[in-house]
Amino acid sequence: RAFITDLVYTTVRRYRTLVWILERLVKKLPKGETEAALLVGASQILFMPDVAEYAAVNETVEAAKLASKQTAGLVNAVLRNLLRQRDALLAELAKQSIGIRTSHPDALVTRWLERFGAEETLALCNWNNEPAETFLAFPPGAPEPFAPLPRGTRVDAVPGYAEGTFIVQDPATAPAIDLLAVKPGLKVLDACAAPGGKTVQLAWRMGPPSSDGHLLVALDLHEDRLATVRANLERTRQTWVTVQQGDLTAPPAAALAPFGLFDRILIDAPCSNSGVLRRRPDARWRWTTKRMKKLAEAQALMLENALALLAPGGRLVYSTCSLEPEENRRQITLLRKTHPELACVAVEERIPSRSHTDGAFACALERQQA
């Protein structure tokens, strides 16, 4: 299972480079099962050194036979030719653009070159092509707040899983939780809660209800994703949290009206994921400027609607896993122009090539009391 996961993720990450290589070995890249076989075979030969060459070819050819013997013959010929020409092809690849040799879309690479320069852009792209570590996050007071999961280990096989002693979460999520500064007795809204990791972190810090004002609401748009939130809350024994379906891109839903205003609001907004391309290898192939701008519009709506729910003196933390200014600092700048009562308390930004964690942005805003 671990090998198949690694094979699929590596192939998706390296898709653009693999296509560039294969197009030099075949006149026209076939589609369907044949293309899939060529891609996973080439991925093992070029980017998975732990796989023996004969195994990469033979097992891929055997799999290709499930489509047709003719397909298998083509796959066998191309992969053996790749082995013979590998060094020459890799030398030619090294002369290509960053986008081709690191398998990233040009639109994203161009932005990063303008912002970070060539050296850091290359480091960032290379980071995105490494297998992502899985981290376990523990409650406050634990000896270590985060611990890496050994590769190949199933999360549910780790001692303490069934008892809810940890959740799966990257250290890059810590700033948003810390900046929210929750404590017992507050009314808190986790406005984009799924899959529930941050909700659990907040619940651990607040503790079970100890006063009438104590409340944590986990809100999300999609009911199927809320099922995951509920499952995480049940496993970690935090069933006192209120789970609610609602759309933060619309004016405050009637479902939230009974709760009144909140002392703390966390918006971990849907974004273009440009800071977590290592963890979400398919996200790079969905990244376009048009899509990012559409997401930025939704983020602005979420911020505006959330402010209608924030009490005077309350704190709102806006966070994303994007590296793009339009989704991060620019959102805060535009919001404060129309809401001068908001004070920026702190900003945390993590760039993977510097922090060696997932990319993340978090900003804490406080509404000044009249």
Protein backbone atom coordinates (compact mmCIF):
# COMPACT_ATOMS: atom_id res chain seq x y z
CA ARG A 1 0.00 0.00 0.00
CA ALA A 2 2.80 2.43 0.89
CA PHE A 3 4.60 1.63 -2.38
CA ILE A 4 1.49 2.19 -4.51
CA THR A 5 0.83 5.51 -2.75
CA ASP A 6 4.43 6.60 -3.36
CA LEU A 7 4.25 5.51 -7.00
CA VAL A 8 1.02 7.41 -7.68
CA TYR A 9 2.14 10.57 -5.87
CA THR A 10 5.56 10.56 -7.57
CA THR A 11 3.98 10.11 -10.99
CA VAL A 12 1.49 12.93 -10.45
CA ARG A 13 4.19 15.26 -9.09
CA ARG A 14 6.54 14.56 -11.98
CA TYR A 15 3.86 14.44 -14.68
CA ARG A 16 5.15 17.33 -16.80
CA THR A 17 8.74 16.08 -16.72
CA LEU A 18 7.66 12.52 -17.50
CA VAL A 19 5.64 13.65 -20.51
CA TRP A 20 8.62 15.70 -21.75
CA ILE A 21 10.87 12.62 -21.50
CA LEU A 22 8.38 10.19 -23.08
CA GLU A 23 7.68 12.53 -25.99
CA ARG A 24 11.31 12.05 -26.99
CA LEU A 25 10.85 8.28 -27.13
CA VAL A 26 7.53 7.97 -28.97
CA LYS A 27 6.17 9.87 -31.97
CA LYS A 28 2.82 10.40 -30.27
CA LEU A 29 2.13 9.70 -26.61
CA PRO A 30 -0.75 7.19 -26.41
CA LYS A 31 -3.75 7.68 -24.14
CA GLY A 32 -5.59 5.56 -21.60
CA GLU A 33 -4.01 2.51 -20.00
CA THR A 34 -0.95 2.69 -22.26
CA GLU A 35 -0.12 6.23 -21.21
CA ALA A 36 -0.65 5.29 -17.56
CA ALA A 37 1.73 2.34 -17.88
CA LEU A 38 4.40 4.45 -19.57
CA LEU A 39 4.11 7.15 -16.93
CA VAL A 40 4.40 4.85 -13.91
CA GLY A 41 7.18 2.85 -15.56
CA ALA A 42 9.19 5.97 -16.39
CA SER A 43 8.48 7.38 -12.94
CA GLN A 44 10.11 4.36 -11.29
CA ILE A 45 13.12 4.40 -13.63
CA LEU A 46 13.79 8.11 -13.27
CA PHE A 47 12.60 9.12 -9.81
CA MET A 48 12.34 6.03 -7.60
CA PRO A 49 15.91 4.75 -7.15
CA ASP A 50 14.88 2.07 -4.65
CA VAL A 51 13.04 0.20 -7.42
CA ALA A 52 15.27 -2.18 -9.36
CA GLU A 53 15.39 -1.45 -13.10
CA TYR A 54 14.26 -4.94 -14.12
CA ALA A 55 11.33 -4.75 -11.70
CA ALA A 56 10.26 -1.34 -12.97
CA VAL A 57 10.14 -2.67 -16.54
CA ASN A 58 8.84 -6.20 -15.96
CA GLU A 59 6.08 -5.36 -13.50
CA THR A 60 4.89 -2.43 -15.61
CA VAL A 61 4.78 -4.63 -18.71
CA GLU A 62 2.83 -7.30 -16.83
CA ALA A 63 0.33 -4.66 -15.76
CA ALA A 64 0.10 -3.35 -19.35
CA LYS A 65 -0.88 -6.84 -20.54
CA LEU A 66 -4.20 -6.31 -18.77
CA ALA A 67 -4.97 -3.81 -21.55
CA SER A 68 -3.55 -5.74 -24.52
CA LYS A 69 -0.46 -7.63 -25.67
CA GLN A 70 0.19 -4.91 -28.25
CA THR A 71 0.15 -2.31 -25.48
CA ALA A 72 2.54 -4.40 -23.42
CA GLY A 73 4.94 -4.66 -26.34
CA LEU A 74 5.02 -0.90 -26.82
CA VAL A 75 5.52 -0.29 -23.11
CA ASN A 76 8.35 -2.81 -22.98
CA ALA A 77 10.12 -1.22 -25.97
CA VAL A 78 9.78 2.36 -24.71
CA LEU A 79 10.91 1.62 -21.15
CA ARG A 80 13.94 -0.37 -22.31
CA ASN A 81 14.82 2.45 -24.67
CA LEU A 82 14.49 4.86 -21.73
CA LEU A 83 16.98 2.80 -19.74
CA ARG A 84 19.46 2.94 -22.62
CA GLN A 85 19.07 6.69 -23.17
CA ARG A 86 18.47 7.74 -19.56
CA ASP A 87 21.74 9.58 -18.98
CA ALA A 88 21.51 11.52 -22.27
CA LEU A 89 17.86 12.42 -21.65
CA LEU A 90 18.57 13.60 -18.10
CA ALA A 91 21.45 15.73 -19.39
CA GLU A 92 19.10 17.33 -21.91
CA LEU A 93 16.43 17.76 -19.23
CA ALA A 94 18.89 19.68 -17.03
CA LYS A 95 19.08 22.40 -19.73
CA GLN A 96 15.32 23.00 -19.75
CA SER A 97 13.30 25.60 -17.87
CA ILE A 98 12.53 25.24 -14.15
CA GLY A 99 8.92 24.42 -14.99
CA ILE A 100 9.86 21.46 -17.19
CA ARG A 101 12.67 20.01 -15.13
CA THR A 102 10.84 20.35 -11.79
CA SER A 103 7.39 19.60 -13.21
CA HIS A 104 5.52 22.78 -12.25
CA PRO A 105 3.10 24.95 -14.27
CA ASP A 106 4.79 27.95 -15.89
CA ALA A 107 2.21 30.39 -14.51
CA LEU A 108 3.17 29.52 -10.95
CA VAL A 109 6.92 29.38 -11.61
CA THR A 110 6.81 32.82 -13.26
CA ARG A 111 5.14 34.33 -10.19
CA TRP A 112 7.67 32.76 -7.84
CA LEU A 113 10.63 33.88 -9.97
CA GLU A 114 9.42 37.48 -9.75
CA ARG A 115 8.89 37.24 -5.99
CA PHE A 116 11.62 34.90 -4.74
CA GLY A 117 14.28 34.85 -7.47
CA ALA A 118 15.68 31.85 -9.34
CA GLU A 119 17.59 30.17 -6.49
CA GLU A 120 14.71 30.10 -4.01
CA THR A 121 12.14 29.24 -6.67
CA LEU A 122 14.20 26.20 -7.61
CA ALA A 123 14.53 25.23 -3.94
CA LEU A 124 10.77 25.61 -3.48
CA CYS A 125 10.01 23.48 -6.55
CA ASN A 126 12.44 20.80 -5.41
CA TRP A 127 10.82 20.81 -1.96
CA ASN A 128 7.43 20.23 -3.57
CA ASN A 129 8.79 17.14 -5.32
CA GLU A 130 9.84 15.39 -2.12
CA PRO A 131 7.48 12.92 -0.39
CA ALA A 132 5.61 14.71 2.37
CA GLU A 133 6.05 13.64 5.97
CA THR A 134 2.96 12.87 8.02
CA PHE A 135 2.93 14.48 11.46
CA LEU A 136 1.01 13.56 14.59
CA ALA A 137 -0.17 16.49 16.71
CA PHE A 138 -0.67 16.11 20.46
CA PRO A 139 -2.62 18.11 23.07
CA PRO A 140 -1.02 21.05 24.92
CA GLY A 141 1.31 19.86 27.65
CA ALA A 142 2.62 16.89 25.65
CA PRO A 143 6.45 16.52 25.63
CA GLU A 144 6.44 17.20 21.87
CA PRO A 145 3.51 19.01 20.18
CA PHE A 146 4.29 17.35 16.81
CA ALA A 147 6.02 14.09 15.89
CA PRO A 148 6.72 12.66 12.42
CA LEU A 149 5.07 9.36 11.56
CA PRO A 150 7.58 6.76 10.30
CA ARG A 151 7.15 6.20 6.56
CA GLY A 152 4.94 3.24 5.72
CA THR A 153 3.23 3.27 9.13
CA ARG A 154 -0.55 3.36 9.16
CA VAL A 155 -1.92 6.13 11.34
CA ASP A 156 -4.53 3.85 12.90
CA ALA A 157 -1.78 1.41 13.88
CA VAL A 158 -0.05 3.94 16.15
CA PRO A 159 -0.71 3.30 19.88
CA GLY A 160 -3.24 5.78 21.20
CA TYR A 161 -5.12 6.24 17.92
CA ALA A 162 -8.36 4.64 19.11
CA GLU A 163 -8.12 6.55 22.40
CA GLY A 164 -7.85 9.86 20.53
CA THR A 165 -4.50 10.88 22.01
CA PHE A 166 -3.38 12.57 18.76
CA ILE A 167 -4.56 13.90 15.41
CA VAL A 168 -2.82 14.16 12.04
CA GLN A 169 -1.65 17.72 11.37
CA ASP A 170 1.40 19.52 10.00
CA PRO A 171 3.36 21.90 12.27
CA ALA A 172 2.58 24.72 9.81
CA THR A 173 -0.95 24.82 11.29
CA ALA A 174 0.34 25.87 14.71
CA PRO A 175 0.55 29.67 14.12
CA ALA A 176 -3.15 30.01 13.28
CA ILE A 177 -4.14 28.13 16.46
CA ASP A 178 -1.69 30.04 18.62
CA LEU A 179 -2.74 33.44 17.25
CA LEU A 180 -6.40 32.75 18.01
CA ALA A 181 -5.49 32.58 21.72
CA VAL A 182 -8.56 30.67 22.86
CA LYS A 183 -9.30 29.94 26.51
CA PRO A 184 -12.15 28.54 28.59
CA GLY A 185 -15.32 30.61 28.75
CA LEU A 186 -15.12 32.07 25.23
CA LYS A 187 -17.49 31.68 22.30
CA VAL A 188 -15.42 30.43 19.38
CA LEU A 189 -16.28 29.76 15.71
CA ASP A 190 -14.15 27.53 13.51
CA ALA A 191 -15.68 28.79 10.28
CA CYS A 192 -14.13 26.36 7.77
CA ALA A 193 -13.76 23.37 10.05
CA ALA A 194 -13.36 20.28 7.84
CA PRO A 195 -11.60 17.91 8.22
CA GLY A 196 -11.52 18.91 11.89
CA GLY A 197 -7.86 18.99 12.89
CA LYS A 198 -7.90 22.64 13.93
CA THR A 199 -11.27 22.12 15.65
CA VAL A 200 -9.74 19.43 17.84
CA GLN A 201 -6.75 21.66 18.59
CA LEU A 202 -9.11 24.43 19.71
CA ALA A 203 -11.20 22.02 21.80
CA TRP A 204 -8.07 20.74 23.56
CA ARG A 205 -7.15 24.30 24.50
CA MET A 206 -10.63 25.30 25.64
CA GLY A 207 -11.55 22.14 27.55
CA PRO A 208 -15.12 20.92 28.20
CA PRO A 209 -17.77 23.56 29.01
CA SER A 210 -17.24 25.10 32.41
CA SER A 211 -19.48 28.18 32.09
CA ASP A 212 -22.56 29.35 30.22
CA GLY A 213 -20.48 31.36 27.75
CA HIS A 214 -18.27 28.42 26.79
CA LEU A 215 -18.92 27.41 23.17
CA LEU A 216 -17.05 26.03 20.17
CA VAL A 217 -18.91 25.80 16.85
CA ALA A 218 -17.41 23.88 13.92
CA LEU A 219 -18.94 25.20 10.68
CA ASP A 220 -18.47 23.89 7.15
CA LEU A 221 -20.34 24.05 3.86
CA HIS A 222 -20.35 20.36 2.93
CA GLU A 223 -22.25 17.80 5.00
CA ASP A 224 -20.02 14.93 3.81
CA ARG A 225 -16.95 16.79 5.09
CA LEU A 226 -18.68 17.49 8.39
CA ALA A 227 -18.94 13.72 8.84
CA THR A 228 -15.12 13.68 9.01
CA VAL A 229 -15.20 16.51 11.56
CA ARG A 230 -17.62 14.54 13.73
CA ALA A 231 -15.48 11.40 13.43
CA ASN A 232 -12.36 13.29 14.56
CA LEU A 233 -14.23 14.86 17.47
CA GLU A 234 -15.62 11.50 18.56
CA ARG A 235 -12.25 9.76 18.38
CA THR A 236 -10.59 12.51 20.43
CA ARG A 237 -13.45 12.58 22.97
CA GLN A 238 -14.43 16.18 22.14
CA THR A 239 -18.12 15.51 21.49
CA TRP A 240 -19.16 18.67 23.37
CA VAL A 241 -18.28 20.72 20.25
CA THR A 242 -21.28 21.96 18.22
CA VAL A 243 -21.07 20.90 14.54
CA GLN A 244 -23.07 23.06 12.13
CA GLN A 245 -23.52 23.17 8.35
CA GLY A 246 -23.39 26.64 6.78
CA ASP A 247 -21.96 28.80 4.00
CA LEU A 248 -19.65 31.61 5.04
CA THR A 249 -19.62 33.08 1.52
CA ALA A 250 -23.26 34.06 2.11
CA PRO A 251 -24.53 36.50 4.76
CA PRO A 252 -24.49 34.91 8.23
CA ALA A 253 -26.72 31.87 8.09
CA ALA A 254 -29.80 31.61 10.27
CA ALA A 255 -28.20 28.51 11.73
CA LEU A 256 -25.61 30.74 13.47
CA ALA A 257 -28.09 33.35 14.69
CA PRO A 258 -28.87 31.58 17.99
CA PHE A 259 -25.21 31.78 19.01
CA GLY A 260 -24.98 35.57 18.83
CA LEU A 261 -21.56 37.17 18.43
CA PHE A 262 -18.30 35.26 18.85
CA ASP A 263 -15.22 36.22 20.86
CA ARG A 264 -12.94 34.32 18.48
CA ILE A 265 -13.34 33.34 14.83
CA LEU A 266 -10.95 31.21 12.80
CA ILE A 267 -11.21 31.30 9.00
CA ASP A 268 -8.92 28.64 7.56
CA ALA A 269 -10.03 29.62 4.09
CA PRO A 270 -10.18 27.43 0.98
CA CYS A 271 -7.25 28.49 -1.21
CA SER A 272 -5.12 27.55 -4.20
CA ASN A 273 -2.92 25.28 -2.01
CA SER A 274 0.32 26.64 -3.47
CA GLY A 275 2.01 26.17 -0.08
CA VAL A 276 1.20 22.46 0.16
CA LEU A 277 1.99 21.17 -3.34
CA ARG A 278 4.29 18.58 -1.80
CA ARG A 279 1.38 17.17 0.20
CA ARG A 280 -1.24 17.66 -2.54
CA PRO A 281 0.62 16.81 -5.74
CA ASP A 282 -2.42 17.17 -8.00
CA ALA A 283 -3.04 20.77 -6.87
CA ARG A 284 -0.26 22.13 -9.07
CA TRP A 285 -2.11 20.93 -12.17
CA ARG A 286 -5.29 22.74 -11.08
CA TRP A 287 -3.44 26.01 -10.36
CA THR A 288 -4.34 28.90 -12.67
CA THR A 289 -4.40 32.65 -12.12
CA LYS A 290 -8.10 32.66 -12.96
CA ARG A 291 -8.88 30.01 -10.34
CA MET A 292 -6.77 31.81 -7.72
CA LYS A 293 -8.63 35.08 -8.33
CA LYS A 294 -11.97 33.32 -8.00
CA LEU A 295 -10.83 31.82 -4.69
CA ALA A 296 -9.65 35.24 -3.54
CA GLU A 297 -13.13 36.63 -4.19
CA ALA A 298 -14.66 33.89 -2.04
CA GLN A 299 -12.10 34.55 0.71
CA ALA A 300 -13.03 38.24 0.74
CA LEU A 301 -16.71 37.34 1.14
CA MET A 302 -15.87 35.00 4.01
CA LEU A 303 -13.92 37.70 5.81
CA GLU A 304 -16.68 40.26 5.38
CA ASN A 305 -19.41 37.88 6.56
CA ALA A 306 -17.34 36.66 9.49
CA LEU A 307 -16.90 40.22 10.75
CA ALA A 308 -20.67 40.46 11.17
CA LEU A 309 -20.31 37.65 13.72
CA LEU A 310 -17.34 39.08 15.64
CA ALA A 311 -17.97 40.74 19.00
CA PRO A 312 -16.39 44.09 19.93
CA GLY A 313 -12.94 43.33 21.33
CA GLY A 314 -13.03 39.96 19.61
CA ARG A 315 -10.26 38.40 17.56
CA LEU A 316 -10.42 36.95 14.05
CA VAL A 317 -7.62 34.83 12.61
CA TYR A 318 -7.47 34.42 8.84
CA SER A 319 -5.26 31.63 7.52
CA THR A 320 -4.50 29.83 4.27
CA CYS A 321 -2.02 27.27 2.96
CA SER A 322 -1.23 29.52 -0.01
CA LEU A 323 1.97 31.44 -0.78
CA GLU A 324 0.24 33.99 -3.01
CA PRO A 325 -0.12 37.61 -1.78
CA GLU A 326 -3.59 37.94 -3.38
CA GLU A 327 -4.85 35.27 -0.99
CA ASN A 328 -2.91 36.49 2.04
CA ARG A 329 -1.56 39.94 2.86
CA ARG A 330 -3.55 41.67 0.13
CA GLN A 331 -6.78 40.30 1.60
CA ILE A 332 -5.93 41.82 4.96
CA THR A 333 -4.93 45.16 3.43
CA LEU A 334 -8.21 45.45 1.51
CA LEU A 335 -10.27 44.40 4.53
CA ARG A 336 -8.71 46.98 6.84
CA LYS A 337 -9.33 49.76 4.33
CA THR A 338 -13.09 49.21 4.72
CA HIS A 339 -12.88 48.31 8.41
CA PRO A 340 -10.57 50.80 10.16
CA GLU A 341 -11.72 49.46 13.53
CA LEU A 342 -9.64 46.34 12.91
CA ALA A 343 -6.13 46.23 14.34
CA CYS A 344 -3.56 43.79 13.00
CA VAL A 345 -2.13 42.01 16.06
CA ALA A 346 0.31 39.62 14.40
CA VAL A 347 1.18 37.97 11.08
CA GLU A 348 2.90 34.61 10.60
CA GLU A 349 4.04 33.39 7.19
CA ARG A 350 5.85 30.17 6.39
CA ILE A 351 7.62 29.59 3.07
CA PRO A 352 8.53 25.88 2.74
CA SER A 353 12.00 26.53 1.32
CA ARG A 354 12.78 28.51 4.51
CA SER A 355 10.66 26.91 7.22
CA HIS A 356 10.93 23.29 6.01
CA THR A 357 7.23 22.88 6.78
CA ASP A 358 4.10 23.23 4.70
CA GLY A 359 3.53 26.77 3.44
CA ALA A 360 1.09 28.76 5.57
CA PHE A 361 -0.16 32.26 6.28
CA ALA A 362 -1.98 33.46 9.40
CA CYS A 363 -3.03 36.94 10.48
CA ALA A 364 -4.75 37.93 13.74
CA LEU A 365 -7.13 40.90 13.65
CA GLU A 366 -8.84 42.45 16.65
CA ARG A 367 -11.98 44.59 16.58
CA GLN A 368 -11.33 47.64 18.71
CA GLN A 369 -14.02 48.44 21.25
CA ALA A 370 -15.82 51.74 20.75
